[in-house]
Amino acid sequence: MRLRATAAVALVAISIVAAALADKTTVKLKKPAPVLVQSHTWTTLMQLSRRGRRLDGFRPVLEIEDQYGHRSYFGDETSPGVYRVRVIFPRKGPWKYTIRVGTETVKTGSMWVLPS
């Protein structure tokens, strides 16, 4: 009897973890141009979804960071689930970016910016 109760509790725990993993927000980011130039605007589109459904009414943030500091840029919704972000890199060199939706980090990456 005790073994069945333990198995039932384990099954419930596994299903809770599986549901939590399936509830992740996904983002499709339009790839940046092969060359990004310092002080020029990079405009990108993000498509946000969760469980296959687009996320409307959110305010995603694209944060850029280099060794000297960081900046945040907010997305504007252009159509349901699609957000446009305009980013200006103030300096040349390597940059890391992070996309956040609420408190969730949904995507990270890096890029190189050339001098103008």
N, C-alpha and C. Protein backbone atom coordinates (compact mmCIF):
# COMPACT_ATOMS: atom_id res chain seq x y z
N MET A 1 0.82 -1.19 0.00
CA MET A 1 0.00 0.00 0.00
C MET A 1 0.87 1.26 0.00
N ARG A 2 1.92 1.24 0.80
CA ARG A 2 2.80 2.39 0.89
C ARG A 2 3.50 2.66 -0.44
N LEU A 3 3.85 1.60 -1.17
CA LEU A 3 4.51 1.74 -2.46
C LEU A 3 3.61 2.43 -3.48
N ARG A 4 2.32 2.11 -3.46
CA ARG A 4 1.39 2.75 -4.38
C ARG A 4 1.25 4.24 -4.08
N ALA A 5 1.21 4.60 -2.82
CA ALA A 5 1.10 6.01 -2.44
C ALA A 5 2.36 6.78 -2.86
N THR A 6 3.51 6.18 -2.69
CA THR A 6 4.76 6.82 -3.10
C THR A 6 4.80 6.99 -4.62
N ALA A 7 4.35 5.99 -5.34
CA ALA A 7 4.32 6.08 -6.80
C ALA A 7 3.34 7.16 -7.25
N ALA A 8 2.22 7.29 -6.57
CA ALA A 8 1.23 8.32 -6.93
C ALA A 8 1.80 9.72 -6.68
N VAL A 9 2.48 9.90 -5.57
CA VAL A 9 3.08 11.20 -5.26
C VAL A 9 4.17 11.52 -6.29
N ALA A 10 4.97 10.55 -6.65
CA ALA A 10 6.02 10.76 -7.65
C ALA A 10 5.41 11.12 -9.00
N LEU A 11 4.33 10.48 -9.38
CA LEU A 11 3.66 10.78 -10.65
C LEU A 11 3.11 12.20 -10.66
N VAL A 12 2.53 12.64 -9.56
CA VAL A 12 2.02 14.01 -9.46
C VAL A 12 3.18 15.01 -9.56
N ALA A 13 4.27 14.73 -8.88
CA ALA A 13 5.43 15.63 -8.92
C ALA A 13 6.00 15.73 -10.33
N ILE A 14 6.09 14.62 -11.02
CA ILE A 14 6.61 14.64 -12.40
C ILE A 14 5.69 15.43 -13.31
N SER A 15 4.39 15.28 -13.16
CA SER A 15 3.46 16.03 -14.02
C SER A 15 3.51 17.53 -13.73
N ILE A 16 3.73 17.92 -12.49
CA ILE A 16 3.86 19.34 -12.14
C ILE A 16 5.12 19.92 -12.78
N VAL A 17 6.23 19.20 -12.70
CA VAL A 17 7.48 19.67 -13.31
C VAL A 17 7.33 19.76 -14.82
N ALA A 18 6.69 18.78 -15.45
CA ALA A 18 6.49 18.80 -16.90
C ALA A 18 5.62 19.99 -17.31
N ALA A 19 4.59 20.29 -16.54
CA ALA A 19 3.73 21.43 -16.85
C ALA A 19 4.50 22.74 -16.70
N ALA A 20 5.33 22.83 -15.69
CA ALA A 20 6.12 24.05 -15.50
C ALA A 20 7.11 24.25 -16.64
N LEU A 21 7.73 23.18 -17.12
CA LEU A 21 8.66 23.30 -18.23
C LEU A 21 7.95 23.68 -19.53
N ALA A 22 6.74 23.21 -19.72
CA ALA A 22 5.99 23.52 -20.93
C ALA A 22 5.46 24.94 -20.92
N ASP A 23 5.48 25.60 -19.77
CA ASP A 23 4.92 26.93 -19.63
C ASP A 23 5.96 28.03 -19.89
N LYS A 24 7.08 27.68 -20.49
CA LYS A 24 8.13 28.66 -20.79
C LYS A 24 7.71 29.56 -21.94
N THR A 25 8.11 30.80 -21.85
CA THR A 25 7.90 31.75 -22.94
C THR A 25 8.99 31.54 -23.97
N THR A 26 8.60 31.51 -25.24
CA THR A 26 9.58 31.40 -26.31
C THR A 26 9.58 32.68 -27.12
N VAL A 27 10.73 32.98 -27.69
CA VAL A 27 10.85 34.19 -28.50
C VAL A 27 11.59 33.84 -29.79
N LYS A 28 11.08 34.34 -30.89
CA LYS A 28 11.78 34.25 -32.17
C LYS A 28 12.26 35.65 -32.48
N LEU A 29 13.55 35.79 -32.61
CA LEU A 29 14.17 37.08 -32.84
C LEU A 29 14.66 37.16 -34.28
N LYS A 30 14.28 38.23 -34.96
CA LYS A 30 14.79 38.44 -36.31
C LYS A 30 16.30 38.59 -36.20
N LYS A 31 17.03 37.82 -36.99
CA LYS A 31 18.49 37.84 -36.90
C LYS A 31 19.03 39.24 -37.21
N PRO A 32 20.05 39.65 -36.46
CA PRO A 32 20.64 40.96 -36.74
C PRO A 32 21.37 40.95 -38.08
N ALA A 33 21.57 42.13 -38.60
CA ALA A 33 22.35 42.27 -39.82
C ALA A 33 23.75 41.69 -39.57
N PRO A 34 24.42 41.22 -40.62
CA PRO A 34 25.75 40.64 -40.41
C PRO A 34 26.74 41.65 -39.82
N VAL A 35 26.51 42.94 -40.11
CA VAL A 35 27.39 43.97 -39.56
C VAL A 35 26.54 45.01 -38.84
N LEU A 36 26.79 45.17 -37.55
CA LEU A 36 26.13 46.23 -36.79
C LEU A 36 27.15 47.33 -36.57
N VAL A 37 26.70 48.58 -36.71
CA VAL A 37 27.61 49.72 -36.64
C VAL A 37 27.26 50.58 -35.44
N GLN A 38 28.28 51.02 -34.74
CA GLN A 38 28.15 51.88 -33.57
C GLN A 38 27.35 53.13 -33.93
N SER A 39 26.47 53.55 -33.05
CA SER A 39 25.64 54.75 -33.16
C SER A 39 24.58 54.68 -34.26
N HIS A 40 24.42 53.54 -34.92
CA HIS A 40 23.34 53.35 -35.88
C HIS A 40 22.24 52.52 -35.21
N THR A 41 21.01 52.72 -35.64
CA THR A 41 19.89 52.01 -35.04
C THR A 41 19.74 50.61 -35.63
N TRP A 42 19.65 49.63 -34.76
CA TRP A 42 19.33 48.26 -35.15
C TRP A 42 17.88 48.03 -34.78
N THR A 43 17.04 47.79 -35.76
CA THR A 43 15.63 47.52 -35.52
C THR A 43 15.39 46.04 -35.71
N THR A 44 14.79 45.40 -34.69
CA THR A 44 14.53 43.97 -34.77
C THR A 44 13.10 43.69 -34.35
N LEU A 45 12.57 42.57 -34.81
CA LEU A 45 11.23 42.12 -34.45
C LEU A 45 11.34 40.87 -33.59
N MET A 46 10.50 40.80 -32.56
CA MET A 46 10.44 39.64 -31.69
C MET A 46 9.03 39.08 -31.72
N GLN A 47 8.91 37.76 -31.85
CA GLN A 47 7.62 37.10 -31.75
C GLN A 47 7.60 36.33 -30.44
N LEU A 48 6.68 36.67 -29.55
CA LEU A 48 6.59 36.01 -28.25
C LEU A 48 5.43 35.03 -28.24
N SER A 49 5.67 33.84 -27.69
CA SER A 49 4.60 32.86 -27.56
C SER A 49 4.83 32.00 -26.32
N ARG A 50 3.75 31.39 -25.89
CA ARG A 50 3.81 30.46 -24.77
C ARG A 50 2.79 29.37 -25.06
N ARG A 51 3.25 28.12 -25.03
CA ARG A 51 2.40 26.97 -25.35
C ARG A 51 1.78 27.09 -26.74
N GLY A 52 2.53 27.66 -27.68
CA GLY A 52 2.06 27.80 -29.03
C GLY A 52 1.11 28.96 -29.29
N ARG A 53 0.83 29.74 -28.26
CA ARG A 53 -0.06 30.89 -28.41
C ARG A 53 0.74 32.18 -28.29
N ARG A 54 0.42 33.14 -29.13
CA ARG A 54 1.16 34.41 -29.09
C ARG A 54 0.80 35.18 -27.83
N LEU A 55 1.78 35.95 -27.36
CA LEU A 55 1.60 36.74 -26.15
C LEU A 55 1.32 38.19 -26.52
N ASP A 56 0.10 38.61 -26.32
CA ASP A 56 -0.31 39.98 -26.63
C ASP A 56 -0.26 40.82 -25.37
N GLY A 57 0.00 42.11 -25.54
CA GLY A 57 -0.07 43.04 -24.42
C GLY A 57 1.10 43.01 -23.46
N PHE A 58 2.19 42.41 -23.84
CA PHE A 58 3.37 42.38 -22.97
C PHE A 58 4.30 43.53 -23.32
N ARG A 59 5.30 43.74 -22.51
CA ARG A 59 6.30 44.78 -22.75
C ARG A 59 7.68 44.15 -22.61
N PRO A 60 8.14 43.41 -23.64
CA PRO A 60 9.46 42.78 -23.53
C PRO A 60 10.57 43.83 -23.50
N VAL A 61 11.68 43.44 -22.89
CA VAL A 61 12.83 44.33 -22.76
C VAL A 61 14.04 43.63 -23.38
N LEU A 62 14.75 44.35 -24.26
CA LEU A 62 16.00 43.86 -24.82
C LEU A 62 17.10 44.67 -24.14
N GLU A 63 17.94 43.99 -23.38
CA GLU A 63 19.04 44.64 -22.66
C GLU A 63 20.35 44.32 -23.36
N ILE A 64 21.18 45.34 -23.57
CA ILE A 64 22.50 45.14 -24.13
C ILE A 64 23.54 45.50 -23.08
N GLU A 65 24.67 44.81 -23.13
CA GLU A 65 25.70 45.02 -22.11
C GLU A 65 27.09 44.79 -22.71
N ASP A 66 27.99 45.70 -22.37
CA ASP A 66 29.40 45.48 -22.68
C ASP A 66 30.19 45.69 -21.39
N GLN A 67 31.50 45.76 -21.48
CA GLN A 67 32.31 45.86 -20.27
C GLN A 67 32.15 47.20 -19.55
N TYR A 68 31.58 48.20 -20.23
CA TYR A 68 31.46 49.53 -19.64
C TYR A 68 30.07 49.85 -19.10
N GLY A 69 29.09 49.03 -19.39
CA GLY A 69 27.76 49.29 -18.87
C GLY A 69 26.68 48.58 -19.66
N HIS A 70 25.44 48.93 -19.34
CA HIS A 70 24.33 48.30 -20.04
C HIS A 70 23.22 49.31 -20.30
N ARG A 71 22.34 48.97 -21.24
CA ARG A 71 21.18 49.79 -21.59
C ARG A 71 20.00 48.86 -21.82
N SER A 72 18.80 49.41 -21.61
CA SER A 72 17.57 48.65 -21.81
C SER A 72 16.70 49.34 -22.84
N TYR A 73 16.07 48.52 -23.70
CA TYR A 73 15.18 49.02 -24.74
C TYR A 73 13.88 48.23 -24.67
N PHE A 74 12.75 48.92 -24.65
CA PHE A 74 11.44 48.28 -24.53
C PHE A 74 10.84 48.05 -25.91
N GLY A 75 10.14 46.92 -26.05
CA GLY A 75 9.50 46.58 -27.31
C GLY A 75 8.12 47.23 -27.42
N ASP A 76 7.79 47.65 -28.62
CA ASP A 76 6.46 48.18 -28.93
C ASP A 76 5.72 47.14 -29.75
N GLU A 77 4.48 46.85 -29.37
CA GLU A 77 3.70 45.84 -30.08
C GLU A 77 3.26 46.40 -31.44
N THR A 78 3.62 45.70 -32.52
CA THR A 78 3.25 46.14 -33.86
C THR A 78 2.04 45.37 -34.38
N SER A 79 1.89 44.13 -33.94
CA SER A 79 0.74 43.29 -34.23
C SER A 79 0.66 42.27 -33.11
N PRO A 80 -0.43 41.51 -33.01
CA PRO A 80 -0.56 40.58 -31.89
C PRO A 80 0.64 39.63 -31.76
N GLY A 81 1.33 39.72 -30.64
CA GLY A 81 2.47 38.85 -30.35
C GLY A 81 3.77 39.24 -31.01
N VAL A 82 3.79 40.34 -31.79
CA VAL A 82 5.01 40.78 -32.47
C VAL A 82 5.40 42.16 -31.92
N TYR A 83 6.66 42.27 -31.53
CA TYR A 83 7.15 43.49 -30.89
C TYR A 83 8.38 43.99 -31.64
N ARG A 84 8.45 45.31 -31.82
CA ARG A 84 9.60 45.93 -32.48
C ARG A 84 10.44 46.63 -31.43
N VAL A 85 11.75 46.43 -31.54
CA VAL A 85 12.70 47.08 -30.63
C VAL A 85 13.74 47.80 -31.48
N ARG A 86 14.02 49.03 -31.12
CA ARG A 86 15.07 49.80 -31.78
C ARG A 86 16.21 49.99 -30.79
N VAL A 87 17.40 49.51 -31.18
CA VAL A 87 18.57 49.50 -30.29
C VAL A 87 19.68 50.32 -30.93
N ILE A 88 20.34 51.12 -30.11
CA ILE A 88 21.51 51.89 -30.56
C ILE A 88 22.70 51.48 -29.69
N PHE A 89 23.73 50.97 -30.34
CA PHE A 89 24.95 50.58 -29.63
C PHE A 89 25.87 51.79 -29.55
N PRO A 90 26.16 52.27 -28.35
CA PRO A 90 26.95 53.49 -28.21
C PRO A 90 28.44 53.32 -28.45
N ARG A 91 28.92 52.08 -28.38
CA ARG A 91 30.36 51.83 -28.53
C ARG A 91 30.58 50.62 -29.43
N LYS A 92 31.77 50.55 -30.00
CA LYS A 92 32.16 49.39 -30.80
C LYS A 92 32.58 48.27 -29.85
N GLY A 93 32.72 47.09 -30.41
CA GLY A 93 33.23 45.96 -29.63
C GLY A 93 32.20 44.88 -29.41
N PRO A 94 32.53 43.94 -28.53
CA PRO A 94 31.61 42.82 -28.26
C PRO A 94 30.49 43.25 -27.31
N TRP A 95 29.30 42.77 -27.59
CA TRP A 95 28.11 43.06 -26.77
C TRP A 95 27.37 41.76 -26.50
N LYS A 96 26.74 41.70 -25.34
CA LYS A 96 25.83 40.61 -24.99
C LYS A 96 24.42 41.20 -24.94
N TYR A 97 23.44 40.39 -25.35
CA TYR A 97 22.06 40.85 -25.21
C TYR A 97 21.23 39.83 -24.46
N THR A 98 20.20 40.34 -23.79
CA THR A 98 19.27 39.52 -23.03
C THR A 98 17.87 40.02 -23.32
N ILE A 99 16.95 39.10 -23.56
CA ILE A 99 15.54 39.47 -23.74
C ILE A 99 14.78 38.97 -22.53
N ARG A 100 14.05 39.89 -21.91
CA ARG A 100 13.26 39.56 -20.72
C ARG A 100 11.79 39.87 -20.99
N VAL A 101 10.94 38.98 -20.49
CA VAL A 101 9.50 39.19 -20.52
C VAL A 101 9.04 39.05 -19.08
N GLY A 102 8.65 40.15 -18.48
CA GLY A 102 8.36 40.14 -17.05
C GLY A 102 9.64 39.88 -16.29
N THR A 103 9.63 38.87 -15.45
CA THR A 103 10.83 38.51 -14.69
C THR A 103 11.59 37.35 -15.33
N GLU A 104 11.09 36.85 -16.45
CA GLU A 104 11.67 35.68 -17.11
C GLU A 104 12.67 36.09 -18.20
N THR A 105 13.87 35.53 -18.14
CA THR A 105 14.85 35.70 -19.20
C THR A 105 14.56 34.65 -20.25
N VAL A 106 14.23 35.09 -21.48
CA VAL A 106 13.80 34.14 -22.50
C VAL A 106 14.86 33.89 -23.57
N LYS A 107 15.81 34.78 -23.73
CA LYS A 107 16.84 34.57 -24.75
C LYS A 107 18.06 35.40 -24.43
N THR A 108 19.24 34.85 -24.72
CA THR A 108 20.49 35.58 -24.58
C THR A 108 21.34 35.33 -25.82
N GLY A 109 22.28 36.21 -26.06
CA GLY A 109 23.17 36.04 -27.19
C GLY A 109 24.26 37.08 -27.16
N SER A 110 25.06 37.09 -28.20
CA SER A 110 26.14 38.07 -28.29
C SER A 110 26.32 38.50 -29.73
N MET A 111 26.97 39.64 -29.91
CA MET A 111 27.23 40.19 -31.24
C MET A 111 28.42 41.12 -31.18
N TRP A 112 28.91 41.50 -32.34
CA TRP A 112 30.05 42.39 -32.46
C TRP A 112 29.61 43.64 -33.19
N VAL A 113 29.98 44.81 -32.67
CA VAL A 113 29.62 46.09 -33.26
C VAL A 113 30.88 46.76 -33.78
N LEU A 114 30.81 47.22 -35.03
CA LEU A 114 31.96 47.88 -35.67
C LEU A 114 31.91 49.39 -35.44
N PRO A 115 33.06 50.06 -35.53
CA PRO A 115 33.05 51.52 -35.38
C PRO A 115 32.37 52.19 -36.58
N SER A 116 31.81 53.37 -36.35
CA SER A 116 31.13 54.07 -37.45
C SER A 116 32.11 54.82 -38.31
